[in-house]
C-alpha atoms as a PDB file:
ATOM      1  CA  UNK A   1      56.332 193.513  80.352  1.00  0.00           C
ATOM      2  CA  UNK A   2      56.484 190.932  83.132  1.00  0.00           C
ATOM      3  CA  UNK A   3      57.997 188.335  80.751  1.00  0.00           C
ATOM      4  CA  UNK A   4      60.684 190.768  79.609  1.00  0.00           C
ATOM      5  CA  UNK A   5      61.626 191.612  83.204  1.00  0.00           C
ATOM      6  CA  UNK A   6      61.879 187.927  84.188  1.00  0.00           C
ATOM      7  CA  UNK A   7      63.912 187.140  81.060  1.00  0.00           C
ATOM      8  CA  UNK A   8      66.254 190.046  81.808  1.00  0.00           C
ATOM      9  CA  UNK A   9      66.737 188.923  85.426  1.00  0.00           C
ATOM     10  CA  UNK A  10      67.464 185.327  84.363  1.00  0.00           C
ATOM     11  CA  UNK A  11      69.957 186.540  81.778  1.00  0.00           C
ATOM     12  CA  UNK A  12      71.664 188.745  84.345  1.00  0.00           C
ATOM     13  CA  UNK A  13      71.892 185.840  86.824  1.00  0.00           C
ATOM     14  CA  UNK A  14      73.478 183.612  84.162  1.00  0.00           C
ATOM     15  CA  UNK A  15      76.102 186.239  83.414  1.00  0.00           C
ATOM     16  CA  UNK A  16      76.912 186.661  87.108  1.00  0.00           C
ATOM     17  CA  UNK A  17      77.187 182.913  87.736  1.00  0.00           C
ATOM     18  CA  UNK A  18      79.444 182.217  84.756  1.00  0.00           C
ATOM     19  CA  UNK A  19      81.675 185.245  85.334  1.00  0.00           C
ATOM     20  CA  UNK A  20      82.782 184.049  88.788  1.00  0.00           C
ATOM     21  CA  UNK A  21      85.917 181.922  88.519  1.00  0.00           C
ATOM     22  CA  UNK A  22      87.764 180.094  91.235  1.00  0.00           C
ATOM     23  CA  UNK A  23      91.174 181.697  91.680  1.00  0.00           C
ATOM     24  CA  UNK A  24      92.809 179.212  94.059  1.00  0.00           C
ATOM     25  CA  UNK A  25      94.637 177.195  91.427  1.00  0.00           C
ATOM     26  CA  UNK A  26      98.300 176.384  91.153  1.00  0.00           C
ATOM     27  CA  UNK A  27     100.046 178.566  88.615  1.00  0.00           C
ATOM     28  CA  UNK A  28     101.997 176.476  86.151  1.00  0.00           C
ATOM     29  CA  UNK A  29     104.081 176.974  83.071  1.00  0.00           C
ATOM     30  CA  UNK A  30     105.079 174.571  80.345  1.00  0.00           C
ATOM     31  CA  UNK A  31     108.759 173.879  80.775  1.00  0.00           C
ATOM     32  CA  UNK A  32     111.068 172.190  78.278  1.00  0.00           C
ATOM     33  CA  UNK A  33     111.109 168.405  78.490  1.00  0.00           C
ATOM     34  CA  UNK A  34     114.843 168.536  79.215  1.00  0.00           C
ATOM     35  CA  UNK A  35     114.476 171.379  81.721  1.00  0.00           C
ATOM     36  CA  UNK A  36     116.426 170.829  84.920  1.00  0.00           C
ATOM     37  CA  UNK A  37     114.879 173.521  87.139  1.00  0.00           C
ATOM     38  CA  UNK A  38     111.275 174.477  87.674  1.00  0.00           C
ATOM     39  CA  UNK A  39     109.700 177.274  89.710  1.00  0.00           C
ATOM     40  CA  UNK A  40     106.438 176.367  91.396  1.00  0.00           C
ATOM     41  CA  UNK A  41     104.201 179.108  92.767  1.00  0.00           C
ATOM     42  CA  UNK A  42     101.064 179.052  94.856  1.00  0.00           C
ATOM     43  CA  UNK A  43      98.074 181.108  93.840  1.00  0.00           C
ATOM     44  CA  UNK A  44      97.348 181.550  97.561  1.00  0.00           C
ATOM     45  CA  UNK A  45     100.528 183.136  98.912  1.00  0.00           C
ATOM     46  CA  UNK A  46     103.813 184.374  97.493  1.00  0.00           C
ATOM     47  CA  UNK A  47     105.720 182.739 100.356  1.00  0.00           C
ATOM     48  CA  UNK A  48     104.834 179.412  98.755  1.00  0.00           C
ATOM     49  CA  UNK A  49     107.226 179.854  95.832  1.00  0.00           C
ATOM     50  CA  UNK A  50     109.726 177.051  95.296  1.00  0.00           C
ATOM     51  CA  UNK A  51     112.528 176.151  92.921  1.00  0.00           C
ATOM     52  CA  UNK A  52     112.982 172.447  92.191  1.00  0.00           C
ATOM     53  CA  UNK A  53     115.941 170.661  90.645  1.00  0.00           C
ATOM     54  CA  UNK A  54     113.878 168.029  88.816  1.00  0.00           C
ATOM     55  CA  UNK A  55     116.870 165.670  88.483  1.00  0.00           C
ATOM     56  CA  UNK A  56     118.123 165.623  92.100  1.00  0.00           C
ATOM     57  CA  UNK A  57     115.059 166.652  94.122  1.00  0.00           C
ATOM     58  CA  UNK A  58     116.918 169.584  95.700  1.00  0.00           C
ATOM     59  CA  UNK A  59     114.511 172.409  96.552  1.00  0.00           C
ATOM     60  CA  UNK A  60     114.615 176.016  97.700  1.00  0.00           C
ATOM     61  CA  UNK A  61     111.993 178.466  98.930  1.00  0.00           C
ATOM     62  CA  UNK A  62     111.961 182.078  97.769  1.00  0.00           C
ATOM     63  CA  UNK A  63     112.439 184.297 100.829  1.00  0.00           C
ATOM     64  CA  UNK A  64     112.532 188.063 101.195  1.00  0.00           C
ATOM     65  CA  UNK A  65     115.282 189.817 103.075  1.00  0.00           C
ATOM     66  CA  UNK A  66     115.303 193.504 103.862  1.00  0.00           C
ATOM     67  CA  UNK A  67     116.179 194.671 100.331  1.00  0.00           C
ATOM     68  CA  UNK A  68     116.098 191.596  98.112  1.00  0.00           C
ATOM     69  CA  UNK A  69     114.976 188.030  97.547  1.00  0.00           C
ATOM     70  CA  UNK A  70     117.010 184.845  97.942  1.00  0.00           C
ATOM     71  CA  UNK A  71     116.579 181.099  97.542  1.00  0.00           C
ATOM     72  CA  UNK A  72     116.693 179.279 100.903  1.00  0.00           C
ATOM     73  CA  UNK A  73     117.500 175.545 100.807  1.00  0.00           C
ATOM     74  CA  UNK A  74     114.840 173.104 102.038  1.00  0.00           C
ATOM     75  CA  UNK A  75     116.374 169.908 103.391  1.00  0.00           C
ATOM     76  CA  UNK A  76     114.651 166.550 103.089  1.00  0.00           C
ATOM     77  CA  UNK A  77     114.594 163.448 105.243  1.00  0.00           C
ATOM     78  CA  UNK A  78     115.858 160.148 103.915  1.00  0.00           C
ATOM     79  CA  UNK A  79     113.198 158.051 102.203  1.00  0.00           C
ATOM     80  CA  UNK A  80     113.986 154.362 101.591  1.00  0.00           C
ATOM     81  CA  UNK A  81     112.010 154.462  98.338  1.00  0.00           C
ATOM     82  CA  UNK A  82     113.945 157.420  96.929  1.00  0.00           C
ATOM     83  CA  UNK A  83     115.969 155.710  94.201  1.00  0.00           C
ATOM     84  CA  UNK A  84     117.111 156.679  90.721  1.00  0.00           C
ATOM     85  CA  UNK A  85     118.248 153.859  88.407  1.00  0.00           C
ATOM     86  CA  UNK A  86     121.942 153.884  87.454  1.00  0.00           C
ATOM     87  CA  UNK A  87     122.491 155.782  84.221  1.00  0.00           C
ATOM     88  CA  UNK A  88     119.054 157.413  84.303  1.00  0.00           C
ATOM     89  CA  UNK A  89     119.077 161.026  83.140  1.00  0.00           C
ATOM     90  CA  UNK A  90     116.259 163.507  83.100  1.00  0.00           C
ATOM     91  CA  UNK A  91     113.463 164.736  85.309  1.00  0.00           C
ATOM     92  CA  UNK A  92     112.556 162.554  88.289  1.00  0.00           C
ATOM     93  CA  UNK A  93     110.966 164.855  90.885  1.00  0.00           C
ATOM     94  CA  UNK A  94     107.901 167.062  90.943  1.00  0.00           C
ATOM     95  CA  UNK A  95     106.208 169.337  93.478  1.00  0.00           C
ATOM     96  CA  UNK A  96     102.440 169.405  93.829  1.00  0.00           C
ATOM     97  CA  UNK A  97     100.657 172.266  95.580  1.00  0.00           C
ATOM     98  CA  UNK A  98      97.109 172.238  96.850  1.00  0.00           C
ATOM     99  CA  UNK A  99      94.964 175.091  95.619  1.00  0.00           C
ATOM    100  CA  UNK A 100      93.325 175.217  99.041  1.00  0.00           C
ATOM    101  CA  UNK A 101      96.005 175.087 101.765  1.00  0.00           C
ATOM    102  CA  UNK A 102      99.789 175.188 102.077  1.00  0.00           C
ATOM    103  CA  UNK A 103      99.762 171.960 104.070  1.00  0.00           C
ATOM    104  CA  UNK A 104      98.949 170.158 100.821  1.00  0.00           C
ATOM    105  CA  UNK A 105     102.470 170.566  99.394  1.00  0.00           C
ATOM    106  CA  UNK A 106     104.252 167.392  98.269  1.00  0.00           C
ATOM    107  CA  UNK A 107     107.564 166.413  96.691  1.00  0.00           C
ATOM    108  CA  UNK A 108     107.452 163.140  94.750  1.00  0.00           C
ATOM    109  CA  UNK A 109     109.991 160.888  93.051  1.00  0.00           C
ATOM    110  CA  UNK A 110     107.905 160.105  89.971  1.00  0.00           C
ATOM    111  CA  UNK A 111     109.843 156.889  89.259  1.00  0.00           C
ATOM    112  CA  UNK A 112     109.347 155.194  92.632  1.00  0.00           C
ATOM    113  CA  UNK A 113     106.534 157.103  94.312  1.00  0.00           C
ATOM    114  CA  UNK A 114     108.714 158.206  97.247  1.00  0.00           C
ATOM    115  CA  UNK A 115     106.897 161.184  98.748  1.00  0.00           C
ATOM    116  CA  UNK A 116     107.597 163.995 101.217  1.00  0.00           C
ATOM    117  CA  UNK A 117     105.466 166.775 102.656  1.00  0.00           C
ATOM    118  CA  UNK A 118     106.532 170.119 104.088  1.00  0.00           C
ATOM    119  CA  UNK A 119     106.964 170.569 107.837  1.00  0.00           C
ATOM    120  CA  UNK A 120     108.494 173.276 110.025  1.00  0.00           C
ATOM    121  CA  UNK A 121     111.097 172.453 112.670  1.00  0.00           C
ATOM    122  CA  UNK A 122     111.454 174.107 116.077  1.00  0.00           C
ATOM    123  CA  UNK A 123     113.417 176.982 114.435  1.00  0.00           C
ATOM    124  CA  UNK A 124     110.502 177.632 112.048  1.00  0.00           C
ATOM    125  CA  UNK A 125     112.551 176.288 109.105  1.00  0.00           C
ATOM    126  CA  UNK A 126     110.919 174.211 106.384  1.00  0.00           C
ATOM    127  CA  UNK A 127     111.993 170.637 105.699  1.00  0.00           C
ATOM    128  CA  UNK A 128     110.630 167.774 103.629  1.00  0.00           C
ATOM    129  CA  UNK A 129     109.356 165.016 105.925  1.00  0.00           C
ATOM    130  CA  UNK A 130     109.216 161.548 104.379  1.00  0.00           C
ATOM    131  CA  UNK A 131     105.843 159.864 103.967  1.00  0.00           C
ATOM    132  CA  UNK A 132     105.905 156.078 104.197  1.00  0.00           C
ATOM    133  CA  UNK A 133     104.990 154.427 100.902  1.00  0.00           C
ATOM    134  CA  UNK A 134     101.984 152.124 100.705  1.00  0.00           C
ATOM    135  CA  UNK A 135     102.821 148.448 101.095  1.00  0.00           C
END
């Protein structure tokens, strides 16, 4: 009887351990290779929902007004490494979100490595602040 009880307890512990999943992951979808826009959402908070123009790097944050939602533009600082070759067409930019904290949100030019991170100005508005590239 003692062996059966111990076996049952061990089995129950295994089930409990394997059934717990981490939920703080970025939610992603598979978008068409030629897709121009992408919506990026955080699994942590709805306020961290962004729309990205993958060709130009223009971004917006989803904001709630009294009765609806709207896309609010996020401006970005100049970055000397932000270049797109003449005649290049297609996706260039991507947004990466941390699954742990909102401060780990980055916009990257995937061709040159130019990178920005989100900051708030004195009016509590988001903007992309340039991060100096490694030399």
